[in-house]
Protein backbone atom coordinates (compact mmCIF):
# COMPACT_ATOMS: atom_id res chain seq x y z
CA MET A 1 5.84 5.32 37.40
CA TYR A 2 6.16 1.60 37.84
CA ASN A 3 8.84 0.07 40.01
CA ASP A 4 11.69 -0.56 37.48
CA LYS A 5 13.21 -3.41 39.52
CA THR A 6 9.95 -5.23 39.82
CA PHE A 7 9.29 -4.77 36.06
CA ILE A 8 12.81 -5.99 35.17
CA ASP A 9 12.09 -9.11 37.30
CA PHE A 10 8.87 -9.60 35.26
CA LEU A 11 10.74 -9.27 31.94
CA LYS A 12 13.16 -11.99 33.05
CA LYS A 13 10.24 -14.41 33.25
CA VAL A 14 9.46 -13.81 29.58
CA SER A 15 13.07 -13.58 28.23
CA PRO A 16 14.16 -16.08 25.45
CA GLY A 17 14.86 -19.46 26.98
CA ALA A 18 12.48 -18.96 29.88
CA PRO A 19 9.60 -21.47 29.95
CA LEU A 20 6.97 -18.75 29.83
CA ARG A 21 8.64 -17.24 26.64
CA THR A 22 8.60 -20.67 25.05
CA VAL A 23 4.79 -20.74 25.63
CA ILE A 24 4.41 -17.28 24.09
CA ASP A 25 6.49 -18.11 21.07
CA ASP A 26 4.64 -21.36 20.47
CA LEU A 27 1.28 -19.58 20.77
CA ILE A 28 2.20 -17.00 18.22
CA LYS A 29 3.46 -19.67 15.88
CA ALA A 30 0.22 -21.64 16.28
CA GLU A 31 -1.79 -18.34 15.83
CA LEU A 32 -3.43 -18.72 19.17
CA GLY A 33 -4.35 -16.00 21.69
CA ALA A 34 -3.96 -16.15 25.46
CA LEU A 35 -4.41 -14.24 28.65
CA ILE A 36 -2.05 -15.26 31.47
CA VAL A 37 -2.43 -13.56 34.95
CA PHE A 38 -0.10 -13.61 37.86
CA ASP A 39 -1.94 -14.48 41.06
CA ASN A 40 -2.15 -12.19 44.13
CA PRO A 41 -4.79 -11.61 46.83
CA GLU A 42 -6.54 -8.97 44.89
CA ILE A 43 -7.25 -11.37 41.91
CA GLN A 44 -10.04 -13.39 43.53
CA PRO A 45 -12.91 -10.91 43.23
CA ILE A 46 -12.13 -10.51 39.60
CA ILE A 47 -12.15 -14.09 38.36
CA LYS A 48 -15.35 -15.91 37.46
CA GLY A 49 -15.90 -19.59 36.64
CA GLY A 50 -13.19 -21.67 35.09
CA PHE A 51 -11.44 -24.66 36.52
CA ARG A 52 -9.08 -25.02 39.41
CA ILE A 53 -5.95 -26.82 38.21
CA ASN A 54 -3.33 -26.38 40.92
CA SER A 55 -0.72 -28.45 38.96
CA ARG A 56 2.93 -28.07 38.41
CA PHE A 57 3.87 -25.40 35.80
CA THR A 58 5.22 -26.66 32.52
CA ALA A 59 5.34 -24.86 29.13
CA GLN A 60 3.36 -27.70 27.50
CA ARG A 61 0.51 -27.63 30.02
CA ILE A 62 0.17 -23.92 29.68
CA PHE A 63 0.15 -24.23 25.91
CA GLU A 64 -2.58 -26.79 25.93
CA LEU A 65 -4.70 -24.84 28.43
CA CYS A 66 -4.43 -21.72 26.28
CA LYS A 67 -6.42 -23.54 23.58
CA MET A 68 -9.41 -22.73 25.72
CA ASP A 69 -10.88 -19.19 25.57
CA GLY A 70 -10.56 -18.11 29.19
CA ALA A 71 -7.63 -16.73 31.17
CA ILE A 72 -5.04 -18.74 33.00
CA ILE A 73 -3.91 -17.79 36.53
CA VAL A 74 -0.40 -18.80 37.58
CA SER A 75 1.52 -18.47 40.76
CA PRO A 76 3.88 -15.49 41.02
CA ASP A 77 6.91 -17.77 41.18
CA LEU A 78 5.68 -19.65 38.13
CA LYS A 79 5.74 -22.95 39.97
CA ARG A 80 1.99 -23.72 39.77
CA ILE A 81 -0.81 -23.31 37.34
CA LEU A 82 -3.74 -22.36 39.56
CA TYR A 83 -6.81 -21.81 37.33
CA SER A 84 -7.68 -22.09 33.61
CA ASN A 85 -10.51 -21.09 31.40
CA VAL A 86 -11.29 -18.21 33.83
CA LEU A 87 -13.50 -15.26 32.92
CA LEU A 88 -11.96 -12.07 34.06
CA ALA A 89 -14.45 -9.45 35.22
CA PRO A 90 -12.60 -6.36 36.39
CA ASP A 91 -14.35 -3.03 37.01
CA SER A 92 -15.60 -1.91 33.56
CA SER A 93 -15.18 1.78 34.63
CA ILE A 94 -11.40 1.46 34.75
CA SER A 95 -9.97 3.32 31.75
CA THR A 96 -8.35 1.41 28.93
CA ASN A 97 -7.11 2.37 25.51
CA GLU A 98 -7.41 -1.21 24.18
CA THR A 99 -10.13 -2.25 21.73
CA GLY A 100 -10.04 -6.07 21.83
CA THR A 101 -11.93 -7.88 24.55
CA ARG A 102 -8.95 -9.96 25.74
CA HIS A 103 -6.68 -6.88 26.04
CA MET A 104 -9.29 -4.72 27.64
CA ALA A 105 -9.83 -7.34 30.37
CA GLY A 106 -6.00 -7.78 30.70
CA GLU A 107 -5.28 -4.03 31.16
CA ARG A 108 -8.14 -3.52 33.56
CA THR A 109 -7.15 -6.52 35.64
CA ALA A 110 -3.59 -5.37 35.88
CA LYS A 111 -4.74 -1.97 37.09
CA GLN A 112 -7.38 -3.23 39.46
CA ALA A 113 -5.38 -6.06 41.02
CA ASN A 114 -1.89 -4.48 40.85
CA THR A 115 -0.54 -7.47 39.05
CA PHE A 116 1.18 -8.67 35.94
CA VAL A 117 -0.87 -9.79 32.95
CA ILE A 118 0.29 -11.20 29.60
CA ALA A 119 -1.98 -10.85 26.54
CA VAL A 120 -1.04 -12.70 23.38
CA SER A 121 -2.90 -11.63 20.23
CA GLU A 122 -3.50 -14.30 17.61
CA ARG A 123 -4.43 -11.66 15.01
CA ARG A 124 -1.59 -9.25 15.53
CA LYS A 125 0.87 -11.86 16.55
CA LYS A 126 2.08 -9.58 19.32
CA THR A 127 2.42 -9.94 23.12
CA THR A 128 1.48 -7.16 25.44
CA LEU A 129 2.63 -7.00 29.09
CA TYR A 130 0.49 -5.11 31.61
CA TYR A 131 1.64 -4.12 35.03
CA GLN A 132 -0.46 -1.85 37.13
CA ASN A 133 -1.03 1.30 35.03
CA HIS A 134 1.54 0.54 32.39
CA LYS A 135 1.83 -1.66 29.22
CA TYR A 136 4.82 -2.92 27.27
CA ILE A 137 4.89 -4.55 23.89
CA LEU A 138 7.25 -7.55 23.94
CA ARG A 139 9.74 -7.16 21.07
CA SER A 140 11.34 -9.79 18.89
CA SER A 141 14.93 -10.82 19.76
CA ASP A 142 16.12 -9.85 16.28
CA GLY A 143 14.75 -6.31 16.69
CA ILE A 144 16.26 -5.89 20.09
CA LEU A 145 19.65 -7.19 18.87
CA ARG A 146 19.71 -4.58 16.13
CA ASP A 147 18.85 -1.80 18.55
CA VAL A 148 21.49 -2.99 21.05
CA SER A 149 24.14 -3.26 18.31
CA SER A 150 23.46 0.29 17.21
CA THR A 151 23.56 1.64 20.79
CA LEU A 152 26.81 -0.15 21.54
CA GLN A 153 28.38 1.49 18.49
CA VAL A 154 27.48 4.81 19.95
CA LEU A 155 28.89 3.79 23.37
CA GLU A 156 32.09 2.65 21.67
CA LYS A 157 32.63 6.08 20.11
CA GLN A 158 31.76 7.85 23.34
CA ARG A 159 34.21 5.61 25.22
CA GLU A 160 36.99 6.62 22.82
CA LEU A 161 36.21 10.27 23.32
CA PHE A 162 36.19 9.86 27.11
CA ASP A 163 39.58 8.15 27.22
CA ASP A 164 41.07 10.83 24.93
CA LEU A 165 39.72 13.59 27.12
CA LEU A 166 40.94 11.82 30.36
CA SER A 167 44.34 11.47 28.90
CA LYS A 168 44.47 15.20 28.08
CA LEU A 169 43.17 16.03 31.66
CA ASN A 170 45.90 13.83 33.19
CA ILE A 171 48.65 15.78 31.47
CA LEU A 172 47.09 19.13 32.16
CA GLU A 173 46.92 18.25 35.84
CA MET A 174 50.63 17.69 35.95
CA SER A 175 51.22 21.22 34.59
CA GLU A 176 48.61 23.16 36.63
CA LEU A 177 46.84 24.10 33.32
CA VAL A 178 43.42 22.60 33.92
CA SER A 179 40.43 24.81 32.96
CA VAL A 180 36.87 24.31 34.06
CA SER A 181 36.18 23.43 30.45
CA ASP A 182 38.62 20.53 30.53
CA VAL A 183 36.82 19.03 33.55
CA CYS A 184 33.40 19.64 32.20
CA LYS A 185 34.24 17.76 29.01
CA VAL A 186 35.18 14.65 30.92
CA ILE A 187 32.15 14.78 33.17
CA GLN A 188 29.90 15.46 30.17
CA ARG A 189 31.15 12.45 28.31
CA ALA A 190 30.91 10.20 31.41
CA GLU A 191 27.33 11.31 31.85
CA ILE A 192 26.44 10.74 28.17
CA ILE A 193 27.87 7.18 28.45
CA VAL A 194 26.02 6.39 31.70
CA LYS A 195 22.67 7.82 30.48
CA THR A 196 22.97 6.00 27.09
CA SER A 197 23.80 2.76 28.84
CA GLU A 198 20.68 2.94 30.98
CA THR A 199 18.56 2.17 27.90
CA LEU A 200 20.33 -1.10 27.44
CA LYS A 201 19.54 -2.63 30.86
CA LYS A 202 16.00 -3.59 30.00
CA ASP A 203 17.17 -4.73 26.51
CA PHE A 204 19.52 -7.25 27.93
CA THR A 205 16.95 -8.52 30.43
CA GLU A 206 14.49 -8.96 27.56
CA LEU A 207 17.08 -10.72 25.48
CA GLY A 208 18.05 -13.20 28.22
CA LYS A 209 20.83 -15.53 27.19
CA GLU A 210 20.68 -14.34 23.61
CA GLY A 211 22.37 -11.13 24.66
CA ASN A 212 25.21 -12.56 26.66
CA ILE A 213 28.02 -11.68 24.19
CA MET A 214 26.84 -8.16 23.70
CA ASN A 215 26.40 -7.82 27.50
CA MET A 216 30.03 -8.62 28.01
CA ARG A 217 31.00 -5.88 25.44
CA TYR A 218 28.58 -3.47 27.18
CA LYS A 219 30.12 -4.08 30.67
CA GLU A 220 33.64 -3.67 29.17
CA LEU A 221 32.68 -0.25 27.69
CA LEU A 222 31.33 0.91 31.12
CA ARG A 223 34.27 -0.37 33.12
CA GLY A 224 35.61 2.32 35.39
CA ILE A 225 33.52 5.22 34.03
CA GLU A 226 31.51 5.94 37.12
CA ARG A 227 34.39 5.33 39.51
CA THR A 228 36.53 7.80 37.46
CA GLU A 229 33.78 10.38 37.39
CA GLU A 230 33.33 10.19 41.17
CA LYS A 231 37.09 10.83 41.65
CA ILE A 232 37.05 13.79 39.28
CA ILE A 233 33.95 15.26 41.19
CA ARG A 234 35.87 14.88 44.49
CA ASP A 235 38.94 16.65 42.88
CA TYR A 236 37.07 19.66 41.43
CA SER A 237 33.47 20.17 42.51
CA ASN A 238 32.50 22.76 45.17
CA PHE A 239 29.95 20.43 46.57
CA SER A 240 29.84 16.94 48.15
CA LEU A 241 29.92 13.96 45.87
CA ASN A 242 26.22 13.08 46.62
CA LYS A 243 25.04 16.68 45.95
CA THR A 244 27.08 16.96 42.70
CA GLN A 245 25.66 13.59 41.46
CA THR A 246 22.14 14.81 42.27
CA LEU A 247 22.73 18.05 40.41
CA LEU A 248 24.05 16.13 37.40
CA SER A 249 21.07 13.77 37.39
CA ASN A 250 18.75 16.78 37.24
CA ILE A 251 20.38 18.26 34.14
CA ASN A 252 18.29 17.45 31.00
CA VAL A 253 19.76 16.21 27.69
CA GLU A 254 20.05 19.76 26.25
CA GLY A 255 21.79 21.01 29.42
CA LEU A 256 24.16 18.11 29.41
CA LEU A 257 25.32 19.06 25.91
CA ASP A 258 26.13 22.57 27.03
CA LEU A 259 29.39 22.91 28.86
CA ASP A 260 28.37 26.30 30.23
CA THR A 261 25.40 24.69 31.94
CA ILE A 262 27.54 22.11 33.60
CA SER A 263 30.17 24.69 34.62
CA ARG A 264 27.56 26.97 36.16
CA ILE A 265 25.65 24.23 38.11
CA ILE A 266 28.66 22.17 39.30
CA PHE A 267 31.51 24.64 39.63
CA GLU A 268 29.86 28.08 39.73
CA LYS A 269 32.76 29.29 37.59
CA ASN A 270 33.42 30.64 34.12
CA ILE A 271 34.22 27.83 31.71
CA GLU A 272 37.58 29.34 30.81
CA GLU A 273 38.89 29.82 34.33
CA THR A 274 41.72 27.57 35.55
CA ILE A 275 40.95 25.23 38.39
CA PRO A 276 43.24 23.30 40.66
CA THR A 277 42.85 19.61 41.38
CA ARG A 278 42.87 18.42 44.93
CA GLY A 279 44.71 15.19 44.00
CA PHE A 280 42.20 12.40 45.10
CA ARG A 281 42.33 10.65 41.76
CA PHE A 282 46.10 10.89 41.33
CA LEU A 283 46.82 9.61 44.86
CA SER A 284 44.38 6.71 44.48
CA HIS A 285 46.93 5.06 42.17
CA LEU A 286 49.51 4.93 44.92
CA PRO A 287 49.65 2.28 47.70
CA LEU A 288 47.66 4.42 50.13
CA ASN A 289 44.40 3.82 51.96
CA GLU A 290 41.48 6.22 51.91
CA LYS A 291 42.42 7.78 55.21
CA GLU A 292 46.03 8.38 54.10
CA ILE A 293 44.84 9.98 50.86
CA SER A 294 42.40 12.21 52.74
CA ASP A 295 45.18 13.23 55.22
CA ILE A 296 47.47 14.31 52.33
CA VAL A 297 44.71 16.28 50.52
CA ASN A 298 43.63 17.93 53.66
CA ARG A 299 47.28 18.86 54.50
CA PHE A 300 48.01 20.46 51.07
CA SER A 301 45.88 22.86 49.11
CA SER A 302 46.24 21.16 45.72
CA LEU A 303 48.01 18.48 43.74
CA ALA A 304 50.56 21.09 42.68
CA GLU A 305 51.49 21.66 46.33
CA ILE A 306 51.71 17.88 46.81
CA PHE A 307 54.29 17.72 44.08
CA LYS A 308 56.46 20.34 45.91
CA THR A 309 56.34 18.58 49.20
CA THR A 310 59.57 17.27 50.96
CA PRO A 311 60.17 14.16 53.11
CA GLU A 312 60.21 16.39 56.18
CA HIS A 313 56.77 17.80 55.45
CA LEU A 314 55.29 14.37 54.56
CA GLY A 315 57.11 12.80 57.42
CA GLU A 316 54.68 14.42 59.87
CA LEU A 317 52.04 12.09 58.40
CA PHE A 318 53.99 8.95 57.42
CA GLY A 319 57.28 8.96 59.25
CA ALA A 320 59.88 6.78 57.58
CA ARG A 321 57.52 5.95 54.68
CA ALA A 322 57.52 9.60 53.50
CA GLU A 323 60.60 9.35 51.30
CA ASN A 324 59.24 6.22 49.40
CA ILE A 325 55.85 7.87 48.98
CA ILE A 326 57.48 10.95 47.41
CA LYS A 327 59.41 8.74 44.95
CA GLU A 328 56.26 6.97 44.01
CA ILE A 329 54.52 10.43 43.43
CA GLU A 330 57.41 11.49 41.17
CA ASN A 331 57.38 8.13 39.28
CA LEU A 332 53.59 8.29 38.67
CA ARG A 333 53.89 11.85 37.48
CA GLU A 334 56.53 10.93 34.98
CA GLN A 335 54.42 8.05 33.72
CA ILE A 336 51.43 10.36 33.14
CA LEU A 337 53.56 12.89 31.30
CA SER A 338 54.80 10.05 29.02
CA GLY A 339 51.26 9.33 28.10
CA LYS A 340 49.89 6.81 30.65
CA VAL A 341 46.11 7.17 31.17
CA LEU A 342 44.89 7.27 34.74
CA THR A 343 41.38 6.16 35.50
């Protein structure tokens, strides 16, 4: 599998508004083909002939040079055009599924030199990106925008469900009526949102500035999801936060849709069993630091016990502050029972 971060960086270089994307769009409109290769030390044995240019990179220069048949070699930072009209001669024994001469040479070069290659087809009016052993067809902005819009609608619905489930969990926690099922439903929805959102990261990179407005909505829908899930895991899971997150990441889509699977793996309990909350999430809404929250949780067995505490008991930890903290706990509990959603 290719390095996602490196590939995302590559996509940024061909996103709408970037000089290289301008070249690609102009080539397709002019029905011209091209082969553009990012330079690295492994390229030299592959290139034959051509002209050494070593000039400053501009979209117009690249476009004009692409009118010749050979490949163009550019610096990895896209500041220089190094060679033009180059013949690529990669090892012909390297496997390729391509049929056209340009694309075969591009794919083999990417594999042999571990570099990025862009192949523009004048016949199919498509652009193919090659990186090491992988290829990616560059999509039109209109197509990506339609896909992103559809996925955002799914995320909006999932976020509504998540907020409703979280509100119900908040109230159940105040009454010691939480079941494993109630917790699993919130975690399930959080995981669905996070996993669905992962598909959009590459889309927004490929859209560049054209996706800014949708990207703002995307970030708004995701706000607080992972942080809230982490707090819920700390409150209920039998395992550490890291181990629980690893277990969740290993659950496939079918397993994620099955509450019994989540319950068995994360809680090792029957889905209908009641389960106490430790109180990390609740206490995080009070003016307490992490150590103080941990001290309270470690002192009491559950949030229900915290609700029963007295200034004398809490005074061992907080001295004169104990009475005010208890008042804040009571006020927050009342707010939740009246319908306020905690994140």
